[in-house]
Amino acid sequence: MAESADQVHARVMAAADEHGRMPLPSVAEWDIFPWEVVDGALATKRLADPAPEKPREGEDGTDCRICATDPAGVIWTNERWRLKHLAERSGLPLVVILEPLEHLDFDDLDDTMAAEYGVLAVRIARIIEGLPNIGRCHVQRIGDGARHLHIWFMARTRGLPSVLGSFAVDWDDILPPGPEEPWREDLAAVAQQLASYDGRATVDA
């Protein structure tokens, strides 16, 4: 079971500075991070000049890490899809990623695969939102870094009013990871419940 809001808050406050703030996450150093401090005030960065799109990882079907034959962190799989967790825990209680086994992007899915994706996405979100202390499961596809489709399912803690909406993604990078045992228990619960519909839960859940 994921931590309650009170448990998360107490743990974060214990790790925060004297003002109750956590350090800036590494994303604050990314070129695409849109904010900076100017003369002591938060301001938007200047919009970069137009430039050619950089090729994504796996753009030509080669050198795609997602296509690895034995990827780490897989908790569930069937004949065409797999669900995995990130290599390391992050600030939200649970983050998992759904990927097709084949090297496909979103617009490569045929009608059958698209229908399967829709059913899987609803099942995964429903299962995650049914876990104790989870308020919502955010589902998103970005895809600017890799051509291989990967859909994020991000669970937020119920009862933490700062961690809401699209900014839950930012808090995932800010908050320190929670305890490992409840995280693994929730991963196993998601895998086992998803396997009750189709596919199989894998041993490293």
N, C-alpha and C. Protein backbone atom coordinates (compact mmCIF):
# COMPACT_ATOMS: atom_id res chain seq x y z
N MET A 1 0.84 -1.19 0.00
CA MET A 1 0.00 0.00 0.00
C MET A 1 0.88 1.25 0.00
N ALA A 2 0.58 2.18 -0.90
CA ALA A 2 1.33 3.44 -0.95
C ALA A 2 1.13 4.23 0.34
N GLU A 3 2.07 5.12 0.61
CA GLU A 3 1.97 5.96 1.80
C GLU A 3 0.74 6.85 1.72
N SER A 4 0.22 7.22 2.88
CA SER A 4 -0.86 8.20 2.95
C SER A 4 -0.28 9.59 2.74
N ALA A 5 -1.17 10.57 2.53
CA ALA A 5 -0.71 11.95 2.38
C ALA A 5 0.05 12.42 3.61
N ASP A 6 -0.40 12.06 4.79
CA ASP A 6 0.29 12.47 6.02
C ASP A 6 1.70 11.87 6.08
N GLN A 7 1.83 10.61 5.67
CA GLN A 7 3.14 9.96 5.69
C GLN A 7 4.09 10.60 4.68
N VAL A 8 3.58 10.87 3.47
CA VAL A 8 4.41 11.52 2.45
C VAL A 8 4.85 12.90 2.94
N HIS A 9 3.90 13.66 3.47
CA HIS A 9 4.22 15.02 3.91
C HIS A 9 5.28 15.00 5.01
N ALA A 10 5.14 14.12 5.97
CA ALA A 10 6.11 14.05 7.06
C ALA A 10 7.49 13.67 6.53
N ARG A 11 7.55 12.73 5.62
CA ARG A 11 8.84 12.29 5.07
C ARG A 11 9.50 13.40 4.26
N VAL A 12 8.70 14.13 3.46
CA VAL A 12 9.26 15.21 2.65
C VAL A 12 9.73 16.35 3.52
N MET A 13 8.96 16.71 4.54
CA MET A 13 9.37 17.79 5.43
C MET A 13 10.67 17.45 6.17
N ALA A 14 10.86 16.16 6.46
CA ALA A 14 12.10 15.75 7.13
C ALA A 14 13.31 15.91 6.21
N ALA A 15 13.09 15.84 4.90
CA ALA A 15 14.19 15.97 3.95
C ALA A 15 14.34 17.38 3.40
N ALA A 16 13.38 18.27 3.69
CA ALA A 16 13.39 19.62 3.12
C ALA A 16 14.31 20.55 3.90
N ASP A 17 14.53 21.75 3.34
CA ASP A 17 15.35 22.74 4.05
C ASP A 17 14.53 23.44 5.13
N GLU A 18 15.12 24.46 5.75
CA GLU A 18 14.44 25.12 6.87
C GLU A 18 13.17 25.84 6.47
N HIS A 19 12.99 26.07 5.16
CA HIS A 19 11.78 26.71 4.65
C HIS A 19 10.75 25.68 4.14
N GLY A 20 11.06 24.40 4.30
CA GLY A 20 10.15 23.36 3.85
C GLY A 20 10.24 23.09 2.36
N ARG A 21 11.34 23.53 1.73
CA ARG A 21 11.47 23.37 0.28
C ARG A 21 12.47 22.27 -0.05
N MET A 22 12.16 21.54 -1.12
CA MET A 22 13.08 20.54 -1.67
C MET A 22 13.99 21.21 -2.69
N PRO A 23 15.17 20.64 -2.96
CA PRO A 23 16.03 21.22 -3.99
C PRO A 23 15.39 21.11 -5.38
N LEU A 24 15.84 21.97 -6.28
CA LEU A 24 15.32 21.92 -7.65
C LEU A 24 15.69 20.58 -8.28
N PRO A 25 14.78 20.01 -9.07
CA PRO A 25 15.09 18.76 -9.76
C PRO A 25 16.02 19.00 -10.95
N SER A 26 16.58 17.93 -11.49
CA SER A 26 17.52 18.05 -12.60
C SER A 26 16.87 18.65 -13.85
N VAL A 27 15.54 18.54 -13.96
CA VAL A 27 14.88 19.09 -15.15
C VAL A 27 15.02 20.61 -15.23
N ALA A 28 15.32 21.25 -14.12
CA ALA A 28 15.51 22.70 -14.13
C ALA A 28 16.73 23.10 -14.95
N GLU A 29 17.61 22.14 -15.21
CA GLU A 29 18.80 22.41 -16.01
C GLU A 29 18.62 22.07 -17.49
N TRP A 30 17.48 21.51 -17.85
CA TRP A 30 17.26 21.14 -19.25
C TRP A 30 17.06 22.40 -20.10
N ASP A 31 17.49 22.32 -21.36
CA ASP A 31 17.29 23.45 -22.28
C ASP A 31 15.82 23.79 -22.46
N ILE A 32 14.96 22.78 -22.40
CA ILE A 32 13.54 23.01 -22.65
C ILE A 32 12.78 23.46 -21.41
N PHE A 33 13.45 23.51 -20.25
CA PHE A 33 12.78 24.00 -19.04
C PHE A 33 12.41 25.47 -19.28
N PRO A 34 11.14 25.87 -19.11
CA PRO A 34 10.71 27.19 -19.58
C PRO A 34 10.92 28.35 -18.60
N TRP A 35 11.46 28.10 -17.41
CA TRP A 35 11.55 29.15 -16.40
C TRP A 35 12.99 29.41 -16.00
N GLU A 36 13.25 30.65 -15.56
CA GLU A 36 14.52 31.01 -14.98
C GLU A 36 14.30 32.18 -14.01
N VAL A 37 15.27 32.41 -13.16
CA VAL A 37 15.17 33.52 -12.22
C VAL A 37 15.94 34.71 -12.79
N VAL A 38 15.26 35.84 -12.91
CA VAL A 38 15.86 37.07 -13.42
C VAL A 38 15.63 38.18 -12.38
N ASP A 39 16.72 38.76 -11.90
CA ASP A 39 16.63 39.81 -10.90
C ASP A 39 15.78 39.41 -9.70
N GLY A 40 15.95 38.16 -9.28
CA GLY A 40 15.25 37.67 -8.10
C GLY A 40 13.81 37.27 -8.31
N ALA A 41 13.32 37.34 -9.55
CA ALA A 41 11.93 36.98 -9.82
C ALA A 41 11.88 35.85 -10.86
N LEU A 42 10.86 35.01 -10.74
CA LEU A 42 10.67 33.94 -11.71
C LEU A 42 10.19 34.52 -13.03
N ALA A 43 10.83 34.13 -14.11
CA ALA A 43 10.47 34.63 -15.44
C ALA A 43 10.54 33.50 -16.45
N THR A 44 9.85 33.68 -17.55
CA THR A 44 9.95 32.70 -18.63
C THR A 44 11.25 32.91 -19.40
N LYS A 45 11.80 31.83 -19.90
CA LYS A 45 12.98 31.93 -20.74
C LYS A 45 12.59 32.48 -22.11
N ARG A 46 13.57 33.04 -22.79
CA ARG A 46 13.37 33.48 -24.16
C ARG A 46 13.08 32.25 -25.03
N LEU A 47 12.11 32.35 -25.92
CA LEU A 47 11.79 31.26 -26.83
C LEU A 47 12.95 31.07 -27.79
N ALA A 48 13.45 29.86 -27.87
CA ALA A 48 14.59 29.58 -28.74
C ALA A 48 14.22 29.80 -30.20
N ASP A 49 15.21 30.14 -31.00
CA ASP A 49 14.98 30.34 -32.43
C ASP A 49 14.55 29.04 -33.09
N PRO A 50 13.77 29.12 -34.17
CA PRO A 50 13.40 27.90 -34.90
C PRO A 50 14.65 27.12 -35.34
N ALA A 51 14.54 25.81 -35.32
CA ALA A 51 15.66 24.95 -35.69
C ALA A 51 15.11 23.62 -36.18
N PRO A 52 15.89 22.89 -36.98
CA PRO A 52 15.43 21.57 -37.45
C PRO A 52 15.17 20.64 -36.27
N GLU A 53 14.18 19.77 -36.42
CA GLU A 53 13.90 18.78 -35.40
C GLU A 53 15.08 17.81 -35.28
N LYS A 54 15.47 17.51 -34.07
CA LYS A 54 16.51 16.52 -33.86
C LYS A 54 15.92 15.12 -34.02
N PRO A 55 16.65 14.19 -34.60
CA PRO A 55 16.12 12.82 -34.72
C PRO A 55 15.92 12.19 -33.35
N ARG A 56 14.83 11.47 -33.22
CA ARG A 56 14.55 10.78 -31.96
C ARG A 56 15.31 9.46 -31.91
N GLU A 57 15.49 8.96 -30.71
CA GLU A 57 16.09 7.64 -30.56
C GLU A 57 15.23 6.61 -31.29
N GLY A 58 15.87 5.74 -32.06
CA GLY A 58 15.14 4.70 -32.78
C GLY A 58 14.38 5.21 -33.98
N GLU A 59 14.72 6.38 -34.48
CA GLU A 59 13.97 6.98 -35.59
C GLU A 59 13.95 6.09 -36.82
N ASP A 60 15.08 5.44 -37.11
CA ASP A 60 15.16 4.58 -38.29
C ASP A 60 14.97 3.10 -37.96
N GLY A 61 14.49 2.83 -36.76
CA GLY A 61 14.27 1.44 -36.35
C GLY A 61 15.48 0.76 -35.77
N THR A 62 16.61 1.48 -35.68
CA THR A 62 17.83 0.92 -35.09
C THR A 62 18.19 1.72 -33.84
N ASP A 63 19.08 1.15 -33.04
CA ASP A 63 19.57 1.83 -31.83
C ASP A 63 18.41 2.28 -30.92
N CYS A 64 17.42 1.43 -30.77
CA CYS A 64 16.27 1.74 -29.91
C CYS A 64 16.40 0.94 -28.62
N ARG A 65 16.61 1.64 -27.52
CA ARG A 65 16.75 0.96 -26.24
C ARG A 65 15.46 0.26 -25.82
N ILE A 66 14.32 0.84 -26.22
CA ILE A 66 13.03 0.26 -25.83
C ILE A 66 12.83 -1.10 -26.49
N CYS A 67 13.48 -1.32 -27.64
CA CYS A 67 13.36 -2.60 -28.35
C CYS A 67 14.21 -3.70 -27.74
N ALA A 68 14.91 -3.42 -26.66
CA ALA A 68 15.78 -4.43 -26.04
C ALA A 68 15.00 -5.72 -25.82
N THR A 69 15.64 -6.84 -26.12
CA THR A 69 14.94 -8.13 -26.02
C THR A 69 14.64 -8.53 -24.58
N ASP A 70 15.42 -8.01 -23.64
CA ASP A 70 15.21 -8.36 -22.23
C ASP A 70 15.24 -7.09 -21.38
N PRO A 71 14.25 -6.22 -21.54
CA PRO A 71 14.28 -4.94 -20.81
C PRO A 71 14.06 -5.15 -19.32
N ALA A 72 14.64 -4.27 -18.54
CA ALA A 72 14.48 -4.35 -17.09
C ALA A 72 13.14 -3.78 -16.66
N GLY A 73 12.67 -4.25 -15.52
CA GLY A 73 11.50 -3.65 -14.90
C GLY A 73 10.16 -4.08 -15.44
N VAL A 74 10.11 -5.07 -16.31
CA VAL A 74 8.81 -5.50 -16.87
C VAL A 74 8.02 -6.23 -15.79
N ILE A 75 6.77 -5.79 -15.57
CA ILE A 75 5.93 -6.41 -14.55
C ILE A 75 4.77 -7.19 -15.14
N TRP A 76 4.46 -6.94 -16.42
CA TRP A 76 3.35 -7.64 -17.09
C TRP A 76 3.62 -7.63 -18.59
N THR A 77 3.19 -8.69 -19.26
CA THR A 77 3.34 -8.74 -20.71
C THR A 77 2.28 -9.66 -21.32
N ASN A 78 1.96 -9.40 -22.59
CA ASN A 78 1.18 -10.35 -23.38
C ASN A 78 1.86 -10.49 -24.73
N GLU A 79 1.14 -10.92 -25.76
CA GLU A 79 1.79 -11.19 -27.05
C GLU A 79 2.25 -9.92 -27.77
N ARG A 80 1.69 -8.77 -27.41
CA ARG A 80 2.00 -7.55 -28.17
C ARG A 80 2.41 -6.36 -27.30
N TRP A 81 2.20 -6.41 -26.00
CA TRP A 81 2.44 -5.27 -25.12
C TRP A 81 3.22 -5.69 -23.89
N ARG A 82 3.83 -4.72 -23.24
CA ARG A 82 4.43 -4.95 -21.93
C ARG A 82 4.24 -3.70 -21.07
N LEU A 83 4.21 -3.91 -19.77
CA LEU A 83 4.11 -2.82 -18.79
C LEU A 83 5.33 -2.92 -17.90
N LYS A 84 6.03 -1.80 -17.71
CA LYS A 84 7.24 -1.84 -16.90
C LYS A 84 7.32 -0.63 -15.98
N HIS A 85 8.19 -0.73 -15.00
CA HIS A 85 8.47 0.41 -14.13
C HIS A 85 9.82 0.99 -14.49
N LEU A 86 10.08 2.20 -14.04
CA LEU A 86 11.38 2.82 -14.26
C LEU A 86 12.45 2.11 -13.45
N ALA A 87 13.69 2.30 -13.85
CA ALA A 87 14.80 1.63 -13.16
C ALA A 87 14.87 2.03 -11.69
N GLU A 88 14.53 3.28 -11.40
CA GLU A 88 14.58 3.75 -10.02
C GLU A 88 13.24 4.37 -9.64
N ARG A 89 12.92 4.30 -8.36
CA ARG A 89 11.70 4.93 -7.86
C ARG A 89 11.80 6.44 -8.01
N SER A 90 10.66 7.09 -8.17
CA SER A 90 10.63 8.55 -8.26
C SER A 90 9.70 9.09 -7.18
N GLY A 91 9.34 10.38 -7.28
CA GLY A 91 8.62 11.02 -6.20
C GLY A 91 7.17 10.62 -6.05
N LEU A 92 6.50 10.29 -7.14
CA LEU A 92 5.11 9.82 -7.04
C LEU A 92 5.10 8.38 -6.57
N PRO A 93 3.99 7.93 -6.00
CA PRO A 93 3.97 6.58 -5.45
C PRO A 93 4.13 5.48 -6.47
N LEU A 94 3.71 5.72 -7.72
CA LEU A 94 3.79 4.67 -8.73
C LEU A 94 3.82 5.31 -10.12
N VAL A 95 4.80 4.89 -10.94
CA VAL A 95 4.89 5.30 -12.34
C VAL A 95 5.21 4.06 -13.15
N VAL A 96 4.36 3.74 -14.12
CA VAL A 96 4.61 2.60 -15.01
C VAL A 96 4.43 3.06 -16.45
N ILE A 97 5.03 2.30 -17.36
CA ILE A 97 5.05 2.66 -18.78
C ILE A 97 4.57 1.47 -19.60
N LEU A 98 3.61 1.73 -20.49
CA LEU A 98 3.09 0.72 -21.41
C LEU A 98 3.76 0.90 -22.77
N GLU A 99 4.27 -0.21 -23.33
CA GLU A 99 4.95 -0.16 -24.62
C GLU A 99 4.51 -1.34 -25.49
N PRO A 100 4.43 -1.15 -26.81
CA PRO A 100 4.28 -2.30 -27.69
C PRO A 100 5.61 -3.04 -27.79
N LEU A 101 5.57 -4.36 -27.93
CA LEU A 101 6.80 -5.12 -28.11
C LEU A 101 7.46 -4.78 -29.44
N GLU A 102 6.65 -4.56 -30.46
CA GLU A 102 7.16 -4.21 -31.78
C GLU A 102 7.53 -2.73 -31.81
N HIS A 103 8.47 -2.38 -32.67
CA HIS A 103 8.92 -0.98 -32.79
C HIS A 103 7.87 -0.18 -33.55
N LEU A 104 6.91 0.36 -32.80
CA LEU A 104 5.80 1.11 -33.37
C LEU A 104 5.64 2.42 -32.62
N ASP A 105 5.26 3.46 -33.35
CA ASP A 105 4.89 4.71 -32.72
C ASP A 105 3.36 4.78 -32.67
N PHE A 106 2.83 5.83 -32.06
CA PHE A 106 1.39 5.93 -31.86
C PHE A 106 0.63 5.83 -33.18
N ASP A 107 1.09 6.56 -34.20
CA ASP A 107 0.38 6.56 -35.47
C ASP A 107 0.68 5.33 -36.33
N ASP A 108 1.52 4.41 -35.84
CA ASP A 108 1.76 3.14 -36.53
C ASP A 108 0.77 2.06 -36.11
N LEU A 109 0.03 2.28 -35.03
CA LEU A 109 -0.90 1.26 -34.54
C LEU A 109 -2.02 1.05 -35.55
N ASP A 110 -2.25 -0.21 -35.92
CA ASP A 110 -3.42 -0.48 -36.75
C ASP A 110 -4.67 -0.47 -35.87
N ASP A 111 -5.82 -0.69 -36.47
CA ASP A 111 -7.06 -0.58 -35.70
C ASP A 111 -7.11 -1.58 -34.55
N THR A 112 -6.57 -2.77 -34.78
CA THR A 112 -6.58 -3.78 -33.72
C THR A 112 -5.71 -3.37 -32.55
N MET A 113 -4.48 -2.92 -32.87
CA MET A 113 -3.58 -2.48 -31.81
C MET A 113 -4.10 -1.23 -31.11
N ALA A 114 -4.71 -0.32 -31.87
CA ALA A 114 -5.28 0.89 -31.26
C ALA A 114 -6.39 0.53 -30.28
N ALA A 115 -7.23 -0.43 -30.68
CA ALA A 115 -8.31 -0.87 -29.79
C ALA A 115 -7.73 -1.53 -28.54
N GLU A 116 -6.69 -2.34 -28.71
CA GLU A 116 -6.06 -2.98 -27.57
C GLU A 116 -5.46 -1.93 -26.63
N TYR A 117 -4.81 -0.93 -27.22
CA TYR A 117 -4.24 0.13 -26.39
C TYR A 117 -5.32 0.80 -25.55
N GLY A 118 -6.44 1.14 -26.18
CA GLY A 118 -7.51 1.81 -25.44
C GLY A 118 -8.01 0.99 -24.27
N VAL A 119 -8.21 -0.30 -24.50
CA VAL A 119 -8.69 -1.18 -23.43
C VAL A 119 -7.63 -1.29 -22.33
N LEU A 120 -6.37 -1.48 -22.72
CA LEU A 120 -5.30 -1.60 -21.73
C LEU A 120 -5.14 -0.32 -20.91
N ALA A 121 -5.20 0.82 -21.58
CA ALA A 121 -5.03 2.09 -20.87
C ALA A 121 -6.11 2.27 -19.81
N VAL A 122 -7.35 1.95 -20.16
CA VAL A 122 -8.44 2.09 -19.19
C VAL A 122 -8.26 1.09 -18.04
N ARG A 123 -7.88 -0.14 -18.37
CA ARG A 123 -7.68 -1.14 -17.32
C ARG A 123 -6.57 -0.73 -16.36
N ILE A 124 -5.44 -0.28 -16.91
CA ILE A 124 -4.30 0.10 -16.07
C ILE A 124 -4.68 1.27 -15.17
N ALA A 125 -5.29 2.31 -15.76
CA ALA A 125 -5.68 3.47 -14.96
C ALA A 125 -6.70 3.08 -13.89
N ARG A 126 -7.65 2.23 -14.23
CA ARG A 126 -8.65 1.80 -13.27
C ARG A 126 -8.02 1.02 -12.12
N ILE A 127 -7.09 0.13 -12.45
CA ILE A 127 -6.42 -0.66 -11.42
C ILE A 127 -5.61 0.25 -10.49
N ILE A 128 -4.85 1.17 -11.07
CA ILE A 128 -4.02 2.06 -10.26
C ILE A 128 -4.87 2.94 -9.36
N GLU A 129 -5.96 3.48 -9.91
CA GLU A 129 -6.82 4.34 -9.11
C GLU A 129 -7.57 3.56 -8.03
N GLY A 130 -7.60 2.24 -8.14
CA GLY A 130 -8.21 1.42 -7.11
C GLY A 130 -7.27 1.06 -5.97
N LEU A 131 -5.99 1.40 -6.10
CA LEU A 131 -5.04 1.11 -5.02
C LEU A 131 -5.25 2.05 -3.84
N PRO A 132 -4.97 1.62 -2.61
CA PRO A 132 -5.12 2.48 -1.44
C PRO A 132 -4.22 3.72 -1.55
N ASN A 133 -4.75 4.85 -1.12
CA ASN A 133 -4.05 6.14 -1.03
C ASN A 133 -3.69 6.76 -2.38
N ILE A 134 -4.25 6.26 -3.47
CA ILE A 134 -4.02 6.86 -4.79
C ILE A 134 -5.23 7.72 -5.16
N GLY A 135 -4.97 8.98 -5.48
CA GLY A 135 -6.07 9.89 -5.81
C GLY A 135 -6.42 9.89 -7.28
N ARG A 136 -5.43 9.75 -8.14
CA ARG A 136 -5.67 9.79 -9.59
C ARG A 136 -4.50 9.14 -10.30
N CYS A 137 -4.77 8.63 -11.50
CA CYS A 137 -3.73 8.13 -12.38
C CYS A 137 -3.72 9.00 -13.63
N HIS A 138 -2.63 9.74 -13.85
CA HIS A 138 -2.48 10.56 -15.04
C HIS A 138 -1.87 9.72 -16.15
N VAL A 139 -2.40 9.86 -17.36
CA VAL A 139 -1.95 9.08 -18.51
C VAL A 139 -1.44 10.05 -19.56
N GLN A 140 -0.21 9.83 -20.06
CA GLN A 140 0.32 10.76 -21.05
C GLN A 140 1.27 10.08 -22.03
N ARG A 141 1.26 10.60 -23.25
CA ARG A 141 2.22 10.22 -24.27
C ARG A 141 2.92 11.49 -24.72
N ILE A 142 4.24 11.51 -24.64
CA ILE A 142 5.03 12.65 -25.12
C ILE A 142 5.69 12.25 -26.44
N GLY A 143 6.72 11.43 -26.39
CA GLY A 143 7.29 10.87 -27.61
C GLY A 143 8.33 11.70 -28.32
N ASP A 144 8.81 12.80 -27.72
CA ASP A 144 9.84 13.59 -28.40
C ASP A 144 11.23 12.99 -28.25
N GLY A 145 11.42 12.10 -27.28
CA GLY A 145 12.74 11.53 -27.08
C GLY A 145 12.99 10.24 -27.82
N ALA A 146 11.94 9.46 -28.03
CA ALA A 146 12.10 8.15 -28.68
C ALA A 146 10.91 7.88 -29.59
N ARG A 147 11.20 7.21 -30.71
CA ARG A 147 10.15 6.91 -31.67
C ARG A 147 9.29 5.72 -31.24
N HIS A 148 9.81 4.88 -30.37
CA HIS A 148 9.07 3.72 -29.89
C HIS A 148 8.00 4.20 -28.90
N LEU A 149 6.74 3.88 -29.17
CA LEU A 149 5.63 4.34 -28.34
C LEU A 149 5.82 3.93 -26.89
N HIS A 150 5.67 4.88 -25.98
CA HIS A 150 5.71 4.59 -24.54
C HIS A 150 4.72 5.54 -23.86
N ILE A 151 3.75 4.95 -23.17
CA ILE A 151 2.68 5.68 -22.51
C ILE A 151 2.93 5.64 -21.00
N TRP A 152 2.92 6.82 -20.39
CA TRP A 152 3.18 6.94 -18.95
C TRP A 152 1.87 6.90 -18.17
N PHE A 153 1.88 6.14 -17.09
CA PHE A 153 0.78 6.09 -16.12
C PHE A 153 1.37 6.51 -14.78
N MET A 154 0.93 7.66 -14.29
CA MET A 154 1.54 8.28 -13.11
C MET A 154 0.50 8.44 -12.01
N ALA A 155 0.71 7.73 -10.92
CA ALA A 155 -0.23 7.77 -9.80
C ALA A 155 0.16 8.87 -8.83
N ARG A 156 -0.83 9.68 -8.43
CA ARG A 156 -0.56 10.70 -7.42
C ARG A 156 -1.23 10.32 -6.11
N THR A 157 -0.65 10.79 -5.02
CA THR A 157 -1.18 10.50 -3.69
C THR A 157 -2.49 11.26 -3.45
N ARG A 158 -3.46 10.59 -2.89
CA ARG A 158 -4.71 11.24 -2.51
C ARG A 158 -4.47 12.16 -1.31
N GLY A 159 -4.98 13.39 -1.40
CA GLY A 159 -4.95 14.27 -0.25
C GLY A 159 -3.75 15.18 -0.15
N LEU A 160 -2.93 15.28 -1.21
CA LEU A 160 -1.83 16.25 -1.23
C LEU A 160 -2.19 17.35 -2.22
N PRO A 161 -2.73 18.48 -1.76
CA PRO A 161 -3.26 19.49 -2.67
C PRO A 161 -2.23 20.16 -3.56
N SER A 162 -0.94 20.08 -3.23
CA SER A 162 0.08 20.64 -4.13
C SER A 162 0.29 19.76 -5.35
N VAL A 163 0.04 18.47 -5.20
CA VAL A 163 0.36 17.50 -6.26
C VAL A 163 -0.91 17.18 -7.03
N LEU A 164 -1.29 18.11 -7.90
CA LEU A 164 -2.52 17.96 -8.68
C LEU A 164 -2.26 18.31 -10.14
N GLY A 165 -3.10 17.77 -11.01
CA GLY A 165 -3.08 18.16 -12.42
C GLY A 165 -1.75 17.89 -13.10
N SER A 166 -1.47 18.68 -14.12
CA SER A 166 -0.26 18.46 -14.91
C SER A 166 1.01 18.70 -14.11
N PHE A 167 0.93 19.44 -13.00
CA PHE A 167 2.12 19.69 -12.20
C PHE A 167 2.52 18.48 -11.36
N ALA A 168 1.68 17.45 -11.32
CA ALA A 168 2.09 16.21 -10.64
C ALA A 168 3.35 15.65 -11.29
N VAL A 169 3.50 15.87 -12.60
CA VAL A 169 4.69 15.40 -13.30
C VAL A 169 5.93 16.11 -12.76
N ASP A 170 5.83 17.41 -12.51
CA ASP A 170 6.97 18.15 -11.93
C ASP A 170 7.27 17.66 -10.51
N TRP A 171 6.23 17.43 -9.72
CA TRP A 171 6.45 16.96 -8.36
C TRP A 171 7.11 15.58 -8.35
N ASP A 172 6.86 14.78 -9.39
CA ASP A 172 7.51 13.47 -9.46
C ASP A 172 9.02 13.62 -9.46
N ASP A 173 9.54 14.69 -10.06
CA ASP A 173 10.98 14.94 -10.09
C ASP A 173 11.47 15.65 -8.83
N ILE A 174 10.57 16.29 -8.10
CA ILE A 174 10.97 17.07 -6.92
C ILE A 174 10.97 16.23 -5.65
N LEU A 175 9.91 15.46 -5.44
CA LEU A 175 9.76 14.72 -4.19
C LEU A 175 10.75 13.57 -4.11
N PRO A 176 11.26 13.28 -2.92
CA PRO A 176 12.15 12.12 -2.78
C PRO A 176 11.35 10.82 -2.91
N PRO A 177 11.99 9.77 -3.41
CA PRO A 177 11.29 8.49 -3.54
C PRO A 177 10.80 7.97 -2.20
N GLY A 178 9.65 7.31 -2.23
CA GLY A 178 9.11 6.71 -1.02
C GLY A 178 9.75 5.37 -0.73
N PRO A 179 9.27 4.67 0.29
CA PRO A 179 9.85 3.38 0.66
C PRO A 179 9.65 2.32 -0.42
N GLU A 180 10.61 1.42 -0.52
CA GLU A 180 10.61 0.44 -1.61
C GLU A 180 9.54 -0.64 -1.45
N GLU A 181 9.31 -1.13 -0.25
CA GLU A 181 8.40 -2.27 -0.07
C GLU A 181 6.98 -1.97 -0.54
N PRO A 182 6.35 -0.84 -0.13
CA PRO A 182 5.00 -0.55 -0.63
C PRO A 182 4.97 -0.34 -2.14
N TRP A 183 6.04 0.23 -2.68
CA TRP A 183 6.15 0.43 -4.14
C TRP A 183 6.12 -0.92 -4.85
N ARG A 184 6.91 -1.86 -4.39
CA ARG A 184 6.93 -3.18 -5.02
C ARG A 184 5.60 -3.91 -4.83
N GLU A 185 4.98 -3.73 -3.69
CA GLU A 185 3.68 -4.35 -3.45
C GLU A 185 2.64 -3.81 -4.44
N ASP A 186 2.66 -2.50 -4.67
CA ASP A 186 1.71 -1.91 -5.61
C ASP A 186 2.00 -2.33 -7.05
N LEU A 187 3.28 -2.43 -7.41
CA LEU A 187 3.63 -2.93 -8.75
C LEU A 187 3.09 -4.35 -8.94
N ALA A 188 3.28 -5.19 -7.94
CA ALA A 188 2.80 -6.57 -8.03
C ALA A 188 1.28 -6.60 -8.13
N ALA A 189 0.60 -5.74 -7.37
CA ALA A 189 -0.86 -5.69 -7.42
C ALA A 189 -1.36 -5.28 -8.80
N VAL A 190 -0.71 -4.28 -9.40
CA VAL A 190 -1.10 -3.85 -10.76
C VAL A 190 -0.88 -4.99 -11.74
N ALA A 191 0.29 -5.63 -11.68
CA ALA A 191 0.60 -6.72 -12.61
C ALA A 191 -0.38 -7.88 -12.47
N GLN A 192 -0.66 -8.27 -11.25
CA GLN A 192 -1.54 -9.41 -11.04
C GLN A 192 -2.97 -9.11 -11.47
N GLN A 193 -3.46 -7.90 -11.17
CA GLN A 193 -4.82 -7.55 -11.58
C GLN A 193 -4.93 -7.43 -13.10
N LEU A 194 -3.89 -6.89 -13.74
CA LEU A 194 -3.91 -6.80 -15.19
C LEU A 194 -3.86 -8.19 -15.83
N ALA A 195 -3.09 -9.09 -15.23
CA ALA A 195 -2.99 -10.45 -15.72
C ALA A 195 -4.30 -11.21 -15.56
N SER A 196 -5.17 -10.77 -14.68
CA SER A 196 -6.47 -11.44 -14.53
C SER A 196 -7.35 -11.24 -15.76
N TYR A 197 -7.02 -10.21 -16.58
CA TYR A 197 -7.73 -9.99 -17.84
C TYR A 197 -7.04 -10.71 -19.00
N ASP A 198 -5.71 -10.61 -19.02
CA ASP A 198 -4.95 -11.08 -20.19
C ASP A 198 -3.48 -11.07 -19.82
N GLY A 199 -2.66 -11.85 -20.56
CA GLY A 199 -1.23 -11.82 -20.36
C GLY A 199 -0.82 -12.45 -19.05
N ARG A 200 0.38 -12.09 -18.59
CA ARG A 200 0.91 -12.69 -17.37
C ARG A 200 1.73 -11.67 -16.60
N ALA A 201 1.65 -11.76 -15.29
CA ALA A 201 2.53 -10.98 -14.42
C ALA A 201 3.89 -11.65 -14.44
N THR A 202 4.96 -10.87 -14.48
CA THR A 202 6.31 -11.44 -14.54
C THR A 202 6.94 -11.46 -13.16
N VAL A 203 7.99 -12.25 -13.03
CA VAL A 203 8.53 -12.54 -11.71
C VAL A 203 9.21 -11.36 -11.04
N ASP A 204 9.67 -10.37 -11.84
CA ASP A 204 10.39 -9.27 -11.22
C ASP A 204 9.46 -8.14 -10.78
N ALA A 205 8.16 -8.42 -10.66
CA ALA A 205 7.23 -7.44 -10.14
C ALA A 205 7.46 -7.20 -8.66
